Amino acid sequence: MSSTEKSGTPGLRARIDENPALRTTYRVGVGVVGTIVLALGIIAIPYPGPGWLIVFAGLAILASEFAWAKRVLRYARGKYDAWTEWLGRQSVVVRMTVLAGTGLIVLATLYLLNALYLVAGWVGLGGWTWLQSPFF
């Protein structure tokens, strides 16, 4: 028995779907929020923490309204699982190489975001201008 049959009134989602302007506004809102979460997740992937979890959360938000996002989410989950299984089967040398590559990506983004120069200033190394990002 659905919530509509129990209470006799349509649910929030049904009411949104009844009004075309509200439906469009809702879809745009889901699109904006999902895209922001997805972008933050992509930025967070190389850093320690839940980068991939945030990516999948952003895709799940988008998938709640968009069929293409459901397909991308399904595809991404499969590729992520395949990657982690493959990496788990590799030698320590390969795993350490992947770890080193990830570390280089983290350092490069910290450099480009000027975080290295900022921290250097905190510890009295502000004269190390070679740590300053070309963008700041």
N, C-alpha and C. Protein backbone atom coordinates (compact mmCIF):
# COMPACT_ATOMS: atom_id res chain seq x y z
N MET A 1 0.85 -1.16 0.00
CA MET A 1 0.00 0.00 0.00
C MET A 1 0.90 1.24 0.00
N SER A 2 0.67 2.16 -0.90
CA SER A 2 1.50 3.35 -0.99
C SER A 2 1.07 4.39 0.04
N SER A 3 1.91 5.40 0.20
CA SER A 3 1.59 6.46 1.17
C SER A 3 0.35 7.23 0.73
N THR A 4 0.12 7.30 -0.58
CA THR A 4 -1.07 8.00 -1.08
C THR A 4 -2.32 7.24 -0.70
N GLU A 5 -2.28 5.90 -0.81
CA GLU A 5 -3.45 5.09 -0.47
C GLU A 5 -3.72 5.14 1.02
N LYS A 6 -2.67 5.21 1.84
CA LYS A 6 -2.85 5.24 3.29
C LYS A 6 -3.48 6.54 3.75
N SER A 7 -2.94 7.67 3.26
CA SER A 7 -3.40 8.95 3.78
C SER A 7 -4.45 9.61 2.90
N GLY A 8 -4.54 9.20 1.65
CA GLY A 8 -5.49 9.80 0.75
C GLY A 8 -4.98 11.09 0.12
N THR A 9 -3.77 11.54 0.49
CA THR A 9 -3.19 12.74 -0.11
C THR A 9 -1.90 12.35 -0.80
N PRO A 10 -1.60 13.02 -1.91
CA PRO A 10 -0.36 12.68 -2.61
C PRO A 10 0.86 13.11 -1.80
N GLY A 11 1.95 12.39 -1.98
CA GLY A 11 3.20 12.71 -1.31
C GLY A 11 3.84 13.94 -1.91
N LEU A 12 4.89 14.39 -1.29
CA LEU A 12 5.60 15.58 -1.73
C LEU A 12 6.07 15.41 -3.17
N ARG A 13 6.63 14.27 -3.47
CA ARG A 13 7.16 14.04 -4.82
C ARG A 13 6.05 14.11 -5.86
N ALA A 14 4.90 13.53 -5.55
CA ALA A 14 3.77 13.56 -6.49
C ALA A 14 3.30 15.00 -6.70
N ARG A 15 3.29 15.78 -5.64
CA ARG A 15 2.87 17.18 -5.76
C ARG A 15 3.86 17.98 -6.60
N ILE A 16 5.14 17.70 -6.46
CA ILE A 16 6.16 18.37 -7.29
C ILE A 16 5.95 18.02 -8.74
N ASP A 17 5.70 16.74 -9.02
CA ASP A 17 5.52 16.28 -10.39
C ASP A 17 4.26 16.85 -11.04
N GLU A 18 3.27 17.21 -10.26
CA GLU A 18 2.02 17.75 -10.80
C GLU A 18 2.17 19.15 -11.37
N ASN A 19 3.13 19.91 -10.87
CA ASN A 19 3.32 21.30 -11.27
C ASN A 19 4.56 21.38 -12.16
N PRO A 20 4.40 21.66 -13.48
CA PRO A 20 5.57 21.68 -14.38
C PRO A 20 6.66 22.67 -13.97
N ALA A 21 6.29 23.84 -13.51
CA ALA A 21 7.30 24.83 -13.10
C ALA A 21 8.05 24.35 -11.86
N LEU A 22 7.32 23.79 -10.92
CA LEU A 22 7.96 23.27 -9.71
C LEU A 22 8.85 22.08 -10.04
N ARG A 23 8.38 21.23 -10.95
CA ARG A 23 9.18 20.07 -11.36
C ARG A 23 10.49 20.52 -11.98
N THR A 24 10.43 21.52 -12.87
CA THR A 24 11.65 22.03 -13.51
C THR A 24 12.58 22.64 -12.48
N THR A 25 12.03 23.41 -11.56
CA THR A 25 12.84 24.02 -10.51
C THR A 25 13.51 22.95 -9.65
N TYR A 26 12.76 21.91 -9.33
CA TYR A 26 13.30 20.81 -8.53
C TYR A 26 14.44 20.12 -9.27
N ARG A 27 14.24 19.85 -10.56
CA ARG A 27 15.27 19.17 -11.35
C ARG A 27 16.54 20.02 -11.46
N VAL A 28 16.35 21.33 -11.65
CA VAL A 28 17.51 22.23 -11.71
C VAL A 28 18.25 22.22 -10.37
N GLY A 29 17.49 22.27 -9.28
CA GLY A 29 18.11 22.23 -7.95
C GLY A 29 18.89 20.95 -7.72
N VAL A 30 18.30 19.82 -8.09
CA VAL A 30 19.00 18.53 -7.97
C VAL A 30 20.25 18.54 -8.84
N GLY A 31 20.13 19.09 -10.04
CA GLY A 31 21.28 19.15 -10.93
C GLY A 31 22.41 20.00 -10.38
N VAL A 32 22.07 21.13 -9.81
CA VAL A 32 23.10 22.03 -9.25
C VAL A 32 23.76 21.38 -8.03
N VAL A 33 22.95 20.88 -7.10
CA VAL A 33 23.51 20.26 -5.89
C VAL A 33 24.34 19.03 -6.25
N GLY A 34 23.81 18.19 -7.12
CA GLY A 34 24.54 16.99 -7.52
C GLY A 34 25.86 17.31 -8.21
N THR A 35 25.85 18.33 -9.06
CA THR A 35 27.07 18.72 -9.77
C THR A 35 28.11 19.27 -8.80
N ILE A 36 27.68 20.06 -7.83
CA ILE A 36 28.62 20.61 -6.84
C ILE A 36 29.24 19.48 -6.02
N VAL A 37 28.41 18.55 -5.55
CA VAL A 37 28.93 17.42 -4.77
C VAL A 37 29.87 16.59 -5.62
N LEU A 38 29.50 16.32 -6.86
CA LEU A 38 30.35 15.55 -7.76
C LEU A 38 31.69 16.24 -7.98
N ALA A 39 31.68 17.55 -8.23
CA ALA A 39 32.92 18.30 -8.45
C ALA A 39 33.81 18.26 -7.21
N LEU A 40 33.22 18.44 -6.03
CA LEU A 40 34.01 18.36 -4.80
C LEU A 40 34.62 16.97 -4.62
N GLY A 41 33.86 15.94 -4.97
CA GLY A 41 34.37 14.58 -4.89
C GLY A 41 35.54 14.35 -5.83
N ILE A 42 35.42 14.86 -7.05
CA ILE A 42 36.51 14.70 -8.02
C ILE A 42 37.77 15.40 -7.52
N ILE A 43 37.60 16.57 -6.94
CA ILE A 43 38.76 17.29 -6.38
C ILE A 43 39.37 16.50 -5.23
N ALA A 44 38.53 15.83 -4.44
CA ALA A 44 39.00 15.12 -3.25
C ALA A 44 39.56 13.73 -3.53
N ILE A 45 39.42 13.22 -4.73
CA ILE A 45 39.85 11.84 -5.01
C ILE A 45 41.29 11.57 -4.60
N PRO A 46 42.25 12.39 -4.99
CA PRO A 46 43.63 12.01 -4.66
C PRO A 46 44.01 12.20 -3.20
N TYR A 47 43.19 12.89 -2.44
CA TYR A 47 43.54 13.18 -1.05
C TYR A 47 43.04 12.08 -0.12
N PRO A 48 43.70 11.94 1.02
CA PRO A 48 43.20 10.96 1.98
C PRO A 48 41.79 11.34 2.41
N GLY A 49 40.94 10.37 2.47
CA GLY A 49 39.56 10.63 2.86
C GLY A 49 38.58 10.05 1.86
N PRO A 50 37.37 10.49 1.94
CA PRO A 50 36.29 9.85 1.20
C PRO A 50 36.03 10.43 -0.20
N GLY A 51 37.07 10.70 -0.98
CA GLY A 51 36.88 11.29 -2.29
C GLY A 51 35.93 10.51 -3.18
N TRP A 52 36.17 9.20 -3.30
CA TRP A 52 35.30 8.39 -4.16
C TRP A 52 33.89 8.29 -3.59
N LEU A 53 33.77 8.26 -2.29
CA LEU A 53 32.44 8.24 -1.68
C LEU A 53 31.67 9.50 -2.04
N ILE A 54 32.35 10.64 -2.04
CA ILE A 54 31.70 11.90 -2.40
C ILE A 54 31.31 11.89 -3.88
N VAL A 55 32.18 11.35 -4.73
CA VAL A 55 31.86 11.24 -6.16
C VAL A 55 30.60 10.41 -6.35
N PHE A 56 30.55 9.26 -5.71
CA PHE A 56 29.38 8.39 -5.85
C PHE A 56 28.13 9.02 -5.25
N ALA A 57 28.30 9.81 -4.18
CA ALA A 57 27.15 10.52 -3.60
C ALA A 57 26.62 11.56 -4.59
N GLY A 58 27.53 12.30 -5.22
CA GLY A 58 27.11 13.29 -6.22
C GLY A 58 26.39 12.64 -7.39
N LEU A 59 26.92 11.51 -7.85
CA LEU A 59 26.26 10.79 -8.94
C LEU A 59 24.90 10.26 -8.50
N ALA A 60 24.81 9.79 -7.26
CA ALA A 60 23.53 9.28 -6.77
C ALA A 60 22.49 10.40 -6.68
N ILE A 61 22.92 11.59 -6.27
CA ILE A 61 22.01 12.73 -6.24
C ILE A 61 21.50 13.01 -7.65
N LEU A 62 22.42 13.07 -8.60
CA LEU A 62 22.02 13.31 -9.99
C LEU A 62 21.16 12.18 -10.54
N ALA A 63 21.48 10.94 -10.15
CA ALA A 63 20.73 9.78 -10.65
C ALA A 63 19.29 9.76 -10.14
N SER A 64 19.01 10.49 -9.09
CA SER A 64 17.64 10.54 -8.59
C SER A 64 16.71 11.24 -9.58
N GLU A 65 17.28 12.02 -10.50
CA GLU A 65 16.47 12.76 -11.47
C GLU A 65 16.84 12.52 -12.93
N PHE A 66 18.05 12.05 -13.18
CA PHE A 66 18.53 11.98 -14.56
C PHE A 66 18.97 10.56 -14.91
N ALA A 67 18.41 10.03 -15.99
CA ALA A 67 18.71 8.66 -16.42
C ALA A 67 20.18 8.51 -16.81
N TRP A 68 20.76 9.53 -17.44
CA TRP A 68 22.16 9.44 -17.83
C TRP A 68 23.06 9.27 -16.61
N ALA A 69 22.69 9.91 -15.50
CA ALA A 69 23.49 9.80 -14.28
C ALA A 69 23.41 8.40 -13.69
N LYS A 70 22.24 7.76 -13.83
CA LYS A 70 22.13 6.36 -13.38
C LYS A 70 23.07 5.47 -14.15
N ARG A 71 23.15 5.69 -15.47
CA ARG A 71 24.06 4.89 -16.29
C ARG A 71 25.52 5.16 -15.92
N VAL A 72 25.86 6.43 -15.72
CA VAL A 72 27.23 6.79 -15.34
C VAL A 72 27.58 6.21 -13.97
N LEU A 73 26.64 6.27 -13.03
CA LEU A 73 26.87 5.72 -11.69
C LEU A 73 27.12 4.23 -11.76
N ARG A 74 26.32 3.51 -12.50
CA ARG A 74 26.50 2.06 -12.66
C ARG A 74 27.86 1.75 -13.28
N TYR A 75 28.21 2.49 -14.34
CA TYR A 75 29.48 2.30 -15.02
C TYR A 75 30.66 2.62 -14.09
N ALA A 76 30.58 3.74 -13.38
CA ALA A 76 31.67 4.16 -12.49
C ALA A 76 31.88 3.16 -11.36
N ARG A 77 30.78 2.67 -10.79
CA ARG A 77 30.92 1.66 -9.73
C ARG A 77 31.64 0.42 -10.24
N GLY A 78 31.26 -0.02 -11.43
CA GLY A 78 31.91 -1.20 -12.02
C GLY A 78 33.39 -0.98 -12.26
N LYS A 79 33.74 0.19 -12.81
CA LYS A 79 35.15 0.49 -13.07
C LYS A 79 35.94 0.64 -11.77
N TYR A 80 35.34 1.26 -10.77
CA TYR A 80 36.01 1.41 -9.48
C TYR A 80 36.27 0.05 -8.86
N ASP A 81 35.27 -0.82 -8.87
CA ASP A 81 35.45 -2.16 -8.32
C ASP A 81 36.52 -2.93 -9.09
N ALA A 82 36.50 -2.82 -10.42
CA ALA A 82 37.52 -3.51 -11.23
C ALA A 82 38.92 -2.97 -10.93
N TRP A 83 39.04 -1.66 -10.77
CA TRP A 83 40.34 -1.05 -10.46
C TRP A 83 40.86 -1.53 -9.11
N THR A 84 40.02 -1.52 -8.09
CA THR A 84 40.49 -1.93 -6.77
C THR A 84 40.84 -3.42 -6.75
N GLU A 85 40.07 -4.24 -7.47
CA GLU A 85 40.41 -5.66 -7.56
C GLU A 85 41.74 -5.85 -8.27
N TRP A 86 41.94 -5.14 -9.39
CA TRP A 86 43.19 -5.25 -10.14
C TRP A 86 44.37 -4.80 -9.29
N LEU A 87 44.23 -3.67 -8.62
CA LEU A 87 45.31 -3.15 -7.80
C LEU A 87 45.65 -4.11 -6.65
N GLY A 88 44.63 -4.74 -6.10
CA GLY A 88 44.86 -5.71 -5.03
C GLY A 88 45.65 -6.93 -5.47
N ARG A 89 45.59 -7.26 -6.75
CA ARG A 89 46.32 -8.41 -7.28
C ARG A 89 47.75 -8.08 -7.69
N GLN A 90 48.11 -6.81 -7.67
CA GLN A 90 49.42 -6.39 -8.15
C GLN A 90 50.49 -6.54 -7.08
N SER A 91 51.73 -6.49 -7.55
CA SER A 91 52.87 -6.58 -6.63
C SER A 91 52.97 -5.31 -5.81
N VAL A 92 53.80 -5.39 -4.79
CA VAL A 92 54.02 -4.24 -3.91
C VAL A 92 54.63 -3.09 -4.72
N VAL A 93 55.49 -3.40 -5.68
CA VAL A 93 56.13 -2.36 -6.50
C VAL A 93 55.06 -1.56 -7.26
N VAL A 94 54.12 -2.25 -7.87
CA VAL A 94 53.07 -1.57 -8.63
C VAL A 94 52.21 -0.73 -7.69
N ARG A 95 51.84 -1.30 -6.56
CA ARG A 95 51.01 -0.55 -5.60
C ARG A 95 51.74 0.69 -5.08
N MET A 96 53.04 0.57 -4.82
CA MET A 96 53.81 1.71 -4.34
C MET A 96 53.96 2.76 -5.46
N THR A 97 54.07 2.33 -6.69
CA THR A 97 54.14 3.26 -7.82
C THR A 97 52.83 4.05 -7.93
N VAL A 98 51.71 3.37 -7.78
CA VAL A 98 50.41 4.05 -7.80
C VAL A 98 50.31 5.03 -6.63
N LEU A 99 50.78 4.61 -5.46
CA LEU A 99 50.77 5.49 -4.29
C LEU A 99 51.65 6.72 -4.53
N ALA A 100 52.82 6.51 -5.11
CA ALA A 100 53.72 7.64 -5.40
C ALA A 100 53.09 8.59 -6.42
N GLY A 101 52.46 8.04 -7.44
CA GLY A 101 51.77 8.88 -8.42
C GLY A 101 50.66 9.70 -7.79
N THR A 102 49.92 9.08 -6.90
CA THR A 102 48.86 9.79 -6.18
C THR A 102 49.46 10.90 -5.34
N GLY A 103 50.57 10.61 -4.68
CA GLY A 103 51.25 11.63 -3.87
C GLY A 103 51.72 12.81 -4.71
N LEU A 104 52.21 12.53 -5.92
CA LEU A 104 52.63 13.62 -6.81
C LEU A 104 51.44 14.48 -7.24
N ILE A 105 50.31 13.86 -7.48
CA ILE A 105 49.10 14.61 -7.83
C ILE A 105 48.69 15.51 -6.67
N VAL A 106 48.74 14.97 -5.47
CA VAL A 106 48.39 15.77 -4.29
C VAL A 106 49.34 16.96 -4.15
N LEU A 107 50.64 16.73 -4.26
CA LEU A 107 51.60 17.82 -4.16
C LEU A 107 51.39 18.86 -5.25
N ALA A 108 51.13 18.41 -6.47
CA ALA A 108 50.92 19.35 -7.58
C ALA A 108 49.69 20.22 -7.33
N THR A 109 48.62 19.63 -6.85
CA THR A 109 47.42 20.44 -6.61
C THR A 109 47.62 21.37 -5.42
N LEU A 110 48.31 20.91 -4.39
CA LEU A 110 48.60 21.80 -3.26
C LEU A 110 49.47 22.97 -3.70
N TYR A 111 50.42 22.70 -4.58
CA TYR A 111 51.27 23.76 -5.12
C TYR A 111 50.43 24.76 -5.93
N LEU A 112 49.60 24.23 -6.82
CA LEU A 112 48.79 25.10 -7.68
C LEU A 112 47.77 25.92 -6.89
N LEU A 113 47.31 25.37 -5.78
CA LEU A 113 46.36 26.09 -4.93
C LEU A 113 47.06 27.00 -3.91
N ASN A 114 48.39 27.07 -3.98
CA ASN A 114 49.22 27.91 -3.12
C ASN A 114 49.26 27.47 -1.67
N ALA A 115 48.84 26.25 -1.39
CA ALA A 115 48.83 25.75 -0.02
C ALA A 115 50.25 25.54 0.52
N LEU A 116 51.17 25.12 -0.33
CA LEU A 116 52.55 24.88 0.13
C LEU A 116 53.19 26.20 0.59
N TYR A 117 52.99 27.26 -0.16
CA TYR A 117 53.56 28.56 0.21
C TYR A 117 52.90 29.09 1.48
N LEU A 118 51.61 28.89 1.60
CA LEU A 118 50.90 29.34 2.79
C LEU A 118 51.46 28.67 4.05
N VAL A 119 51.61 27.35 3.99
CA VAL A 119 52.13 26.60 5.14
C VAL A 119 53.59 26.99 5.40
N ALA A 120 54.36 27.21 4.34
CA ALA A 120 55.75 27.63 4.52
C ALA A 120 55.82 28.95 5.29
N GLY A 121 54.90 29.85 5.01
CA GLY A 121 54.84 31.11 5.75
C GLY A 121 54.52 30.92 7.21
N TRP A 122 53.69 29.94 7.52
CA TRP A 122 53.33 29.65 8.91
C TRP A 122 54.52 29.18 9.72
N VAL A 123 55.44 28.46 9.08
CA VAL A 123 56.58 27.90 9.81
C VAL A 123 57.86 28.73 9.60
N GLY A 124 57.70 29.96 9.12
CA GLY A 124 58.85 30.86 9.00
C GLY A 124 59.66 30.67 7.73
N LEU A 125 59.10 30.05 6.71
CA LEU A 125 59.82 29.85 5.47
C LEU A 125 59.18 30.65 4.33
N GLY A 126 58.62 31.80 4.66
CA GLY A 126 57.94 32.63 3.68
C GLY A 126 58.84 33.12 2.56
N GLY A 127 60.15 33.09 2.78
CA GLY A 127 61.10 33.51 1.76
C GLY A 127 61.28 32.48 0.65
N TRP A 128 60.73 31.33 0.82
CA TRP A 128 60.85 30.28 -0.20
C TRP A 128 59.82 30.55 -1.30
N THR A 129 60.10 31.52 -2.11
CA THR A 129 59.14 31.94 -3.13
C THR A 129 58.93 30.87 -4.21
N TRP A 130 59.84 29.93 -4.32
CA TRP A 130 59.66 28.87 -5.31
C TRP A 130 58.47 27.98 -4.97
N LEU A 131 57.97 28.08 -3.74
CA LEU A 131 56.77 27.33 -3.37
C LEU A 131 55.48 28.06 -3.76
N GLN A 132 55.63 29.31 -4.18
CA GLN A 132 54.43 30.10 -4.53
C GLN A 132 53.87 29.66 -5.88
N SER A 133 52.56 29.48 -5.89
CA SER A 133 51.87 29.07 -7.10
C SER A 133 51.94 30.15 -8.16
N PRO A 134 52.00 29.78 -9.42
CA PRO A 134 51.99 30.80 -10.47
C PRO A 134 50.63 31.49 -10.61
N PHE A 135 49.62 30.97 -9.97
CA PHE A 135 48.28 31.55 -10.07
C PHE A 135 47.98 32.57 -8.98
N PHE A 136 48.85 32.68 -7.97
CA PHE A 136 48.57 33.58 -6.85
C PHE A 136 49.68 34.58 -6.67
